[in-house]
């Protein structure tokens, strides 16, 4: 079983920056992902990173968000720059291990003036 512990998030003004981190309780050999869910909307993939460092981003965050991971710490990060009100959502860390999908508890990101 894998536990995912997220940290970061909070309230920031438009144009500001925030960083999220998610630590897994064991080694993750597959992709580590960040999803988000805004009120009244479906959960969507924000960014993904393979163990080798290949990345994928949603079109809405390209050029503003950066995903990275530290395999020695089993941790994935999401650096969010130039935040917009539409980035407001609960952000979730996600991994798959042994064909089981695990989710973090979620962390709120609110972008508002």
C-alpha atoms as a PDB file:
ATOM      1  CA  UNK A   1       0.000   0.000   0.000  1.00  0.00           C
ATOM      2  CA  UNK A   2       1.196   3.485  -0.843  1.00  0.00           C
ATOM      3  CA  UNK A   3       0.499   6.616   1.140  1.00  0.00           C
ATOM      4  CA  UNK A   4       0.779  10.002  -0.530  1.00  0.00           C
ATOM      5  CA  UNK A   5       1.279  13.070   1.631  1.00  0.00           C
ATOM      6  CA  UNK A   6       0.824  16.407  -0.056  1.00  0.00           C
ATOM      7  CA  UNK A   7       1.978  19.791   1.132  1.00  0.00           C
ATOM      8  CA  UNK A   8       1.898  23.320  -0.160  1.00  0.00           C
ATOM      9  CA  UNK A   9      -1.029  25.149  -1.627  1.00  0.00           C
ATOM     10  CA  UNK A  10      -2.875  28.085  -0.156  1.00  0.00           C
ATOM     11  CA  UNK A  11      -4.098  31.493  -1.233  1.00  0.00           C
ATOM     12  CA  UNK A  12      -2.205  33.556  -3.785  1.00  0.00           C
ATOM     13  CA  UNK A  13      -2.944  36.599  -5.894  1.00  0.00           C
ATOM     14  CA  UNK A  14      -3.210  36.347  -9.679  1.00  0.00           C
ATOM     15  CA  UNK A  15       0.243  36.303 -11.192  1.00  0.00           C
ATOM     16  CA  UNK A  16       1.746  34.770  -8.090  1.00  0.00           C
ATOM     17  CA  UNK A  17       3.500  31.467  -7.531  1.00  0.00           C
ATOM     18  CA  UNK A  18       3.006  28.406  -5.372  1.00  0.00           C
ATOM     19  CA  UNK A  19       4.749  25.096  -4.989  1.00  0.00           C
ATOM     20  CA  UNK A  20       3.246  21.730  -4.159  1.00  0.00           C
ATOM     21  CA  UNK A  21       4.978  18.558  -3.084  1.00  0.00           C
ATOM     22  CA  UNK A  22       3.822  14.994  -2.659  1.00  0.00           C
ATOM     23  CA  UNK A  23       5.831  12.349  -0.846  1.00  0.00           C
ATOM     24  CA  UNK A  24       5.117   8.679  -1.419  1.00  0.00           C
ATOM     25  CA  UNK A  25       5.680   6.083   1.279  1.00  0.00           C
ATOM     26  CA  UNK A  26       7.608   3.797  -1.041  1.00  0.00           C
ATOM     27  CA  UNK A  27       9.463   3.671  -4.316  1.00  0.00           C
ATOM     28  CA  UNK A  28       7.375   4.589  -7.320  1.00  0.00           C
ATOM     29  CA  UNK A  29       8.602   3.165 -10.608  1.00  0.00           C
ATOM     30  CA  UNK A  30       5.827   4.518 -12.786  1.00  0.00           C
ATOM     31  CA  UNK A  31       4.611   7.989 -13.521  1.00  0.00           C
ATOM     32  CA  UNK A  32       3.765  10.452 -10.780  1.00  0.00           C
ATOM     33  CA  UNK A  33       0.947  12.798 -11.613  1.00  0.00           C
ATOM     34  CA  UNK A  34      -0.856  15.904 -10.480  1.00  0.00           C
ATOM     35  CA  UNK A  35      -4.587  16.274 -11.018  1.00  0.00           C
ATOM     36  CA  UNK A  36      -6.948  19.061 -10.020  1.00  0.00           C
ATOM     37  CA  UNK A  37     -10.640  19.435  -9.505  1.00  0.00           C
ATOM     38  CA  UNK A  38     -12.457  22.746  -9.485  1.00  0.00           C
ATOM     39  CA  UNK A  39     -15.951  23.120  -8.002  1.00  0.00           C
ATOM     40  CA  UNK A  40     -18.554  21.699 -10.346  1.00  0.00           C
ATOM     41  CA  UNK A  41     -15.965  20.318 -12.732  1.00  0.00           C
ATOM     42  CA  UNK A  42     -14.433  16.934 -13.395  1.00  0.00           C
ATOM     43  CA  UNK A  43     -10.997  16.034 -12.123  1.00  0.00           C
ATOM     44  CA  UNK A  44      -8.404  16.712 -14.798  1.00  0.00           C
ATOM     45  CA  UNK A  45      -4.773  15.785 -15.338  1.00  0.00           C
ATOM     46  CA  UNK A  46      -2.499  18.779 -14.860  1.00  0.00           C
ATOM     47  CA  UNK A  47       0.946  17.259 -15.304  1.00  0.00           C
ATOM     48  CA  UNK A  48       2.705  13.908 -15.291  1.00  0.00           C
ATOM     49  CA  UNK A  49       6.310  12.813 -15.038  1.00  0.00           C
ATOM     50  CA  UNK A  50       7.902   9.430 -15.644  1.00  0.00           C
ATOM     51  CA  UNK A  51      10.641   8.009 -13.492  1.00  0.00           C
ATOM     52  CA  UNK A  52      13.091   8.980 -16.214  1.00  0.00           C
ATOM     53  CA  UNK A  53      11.888  12.570 -16.203  1.00  0.00           C
ATOM     54  CA  UNK A  54       9.693  12.772 -19.285  1.00  0.00           C
ATOM     55  CA  UNK A  55       6.868  15.234 -18.695  1.00  0.00           C
ATOM     56  CA  UNK A  56       3.371  15.920 -19.968  1.00  0.00           C
ATOM     57  CA  UNK A  57       1.268  19.005 -19.298  1.00  0.00           C
ATOM     58  CA  UNK A  58      -2.302  20.081 -19.827  1.00  0.00           C
ATOM     59  CA  UNK A  59      -2.472  22.786 -22.473  1.00  0.00           C
ATOM     60  CA  UNK A  60      -3.900  25.205 -19.929  1.00  0.00           C
ATOM     61  CA  UNK A  61      -0.756  25.119 -17.773  1.00  0.00           C
ATOM     62  CA  UNK A  62       2.022  24.753 -20.339  1.00  0.00           C
ATOM     63  CA  UNK A  63       4.699  27.365 -19.851  1.00  0.00           C
ATOM     64  CA  UNK A  64       3.463  28.212 -16.353  1.00  0.00           C
ATOM     65  CA  UNK A  65       3.696  24.966 -14.353  1.00  0.00           C
ATOM     66  CA  UNK A  66       6.711  22.706 -13.936  1.00  0.00           C
ATOM     67  CA  UNK A  67       6.566  19.150 -12.639  1.00  0.00           C
ATOM     68  CA  UNK A  68       9.652  17.460 -11.245  1.00  0.00           C
ATOM     69  CA  UNK A  69      10.492  14.490  -9.075  1.00  0.00           C
ATOM     70  CA  UNK A  70      13.206  13.274  -6.755  1.00  0.00           C
ATOM     71  CA  UNK A  71      13.380   9.492  -7.000  1.00  0.00           C
ATOM     72  CA  UNK A  72      15.660   9.272  -3.962  1.00  0.00           C
ATOM     73  CA  UNK A  73      12.921  10.878  -1.873  1.00  0.00           C
ATOM     74  CA  UNK A  74       9.943   9.339  -3.717  1.00  0.00           C
ATOM     75  CA  UNK A  75       8.613  12.861  -4.066  1.00  0.00           C
ATOM     76  CA  UNK A  76       6.970  14.766  -6.878  1.00  0.00           C
ATOM     77  CA  UNK A  77       6.756  18.535  -7.068  1.00  0.00           C
ATOM     78  CA  UNK A  78       4.624  21.023  -8.935  1.00  0.00           C
ATOM     79  CA  UNK A  79       5.882  24.568  -9.303  1.00  0.00           C
ATOM     80  CA  UNK A  80       3.084  26.875 -10.379  1.00  0.00           C
ATOM     81  CA  UNK A  81       3.920  30.321 -11.731  1.00  0.00           C
ATOM     82  CA  UNK A  82       1.789  33.114 -13.158  1.00  0.00           C
ATOM     83  CA  UNK A  83      -1.256  31.662 -11.482  1.00  0.00           C
ATOM     84  CA  UNK A  84      -4.697  32.578 -12.756  1.00  0.00           C
ATOM     85  CA  UNK A  85      -8.088  32.519 -11.026  1.00  0.00           C
ATOM     86  CA  UNK A  86      -9.036  29.562 -13.218  1.00  0.00           C
ATOM     87  CA  UNK A  87      -6.253  27.556 -11.570  1.00  0.00           C
ATOM     88  CA  UNK A  88      -8.287  27.557  -8.364  1.00  0.00           C
ATOM     89  CA  UNK A  89      -8.971  23.937  -7.455  1.00  0.00           C
ATOM     90  CA  UNK A  90      -8.095  21.105  -5.142  1.00  0.00           C
ATOM     91  CA  UNK A  91      -4.865  19.555  -6.380  1.00  0.00           C
ATOM     92  CA  UNK A  92      -4.275  15.820  -5.987  1.00  0.00           C
ATOM     93  CA  UNK A  93      -1.171  13.713  -6.307  1.00  0.00           C
ATOM     94  CA  UNK A  94      -1.673  10.388  -8.089  1.00  0.00           C
ATOM     95  CA  UNK A  95       0.423   7.281  -8.680  1.00  0.00           C
ATOM     96  CA  UNK A  96      -0.177   3.743  -9.849  1.00  0.00           C
ATOM     97  CA  UNK A  97       1.691   0.839  -8.281  1.00  0.00           C
ATOM     98  CA  UNK A  98       1.057  -2.865  -8.799  1.00  0.00           C
ATOM     99  CA  UNK A  99      -2.039  -1.929 -10.836  1.00  0.00           C
ATOM    100  CA  UNK A 100      -3.542  -0.029  -7.936  1.00  0.00           C
ATOM    101  CA  UNK A 101      -4.218   3.703  -8.197  1.00  0.00           C
ATOM    102  CA  UNK A 102      -3.466   5.837  -5.173  1.00  0.00           C
ATOM    103  CA  UNK A 103      -4.523   9.416  -4.472  1.00  0.00           C
ATOM    104  CA  UNK A 104      -3.274  12.016  -2.065  1.00  0.00           C
ATOM    105  CA  UNK A 105      -5.649  13.792   0.288  1.00  0.00           C
ATOM    106  CA  UNK A 106      -5.757  16.893  -1.866  1.00  0.00           C
ATOM    107  CA  UNK A 107      -4.576  20.420  -1.197  1.00  0.00           C
ATOM    108  CA  UNK A 108      -6.509  23.589  -1.933  1.00  0.00           C
ATOM    109  CA  UNK A 109      -5.063  26.218  -4.247  1.00  0.00           C
ATOM    110  CA  UNK A 110      -6.991  29.465  -4.417  1.00  0.00           C
ATOM    111  CA  UNK A 111      -6.016  32.255  -6.797  1.00  0.00           C
ATOM    112  CA  UNK A 112      -7.815  35.455  -5.926  1.00  0.00           C
ATOM    113  CA  UNK A 113      -7.176  39.122  -5.379  1.00  0.00           C
END
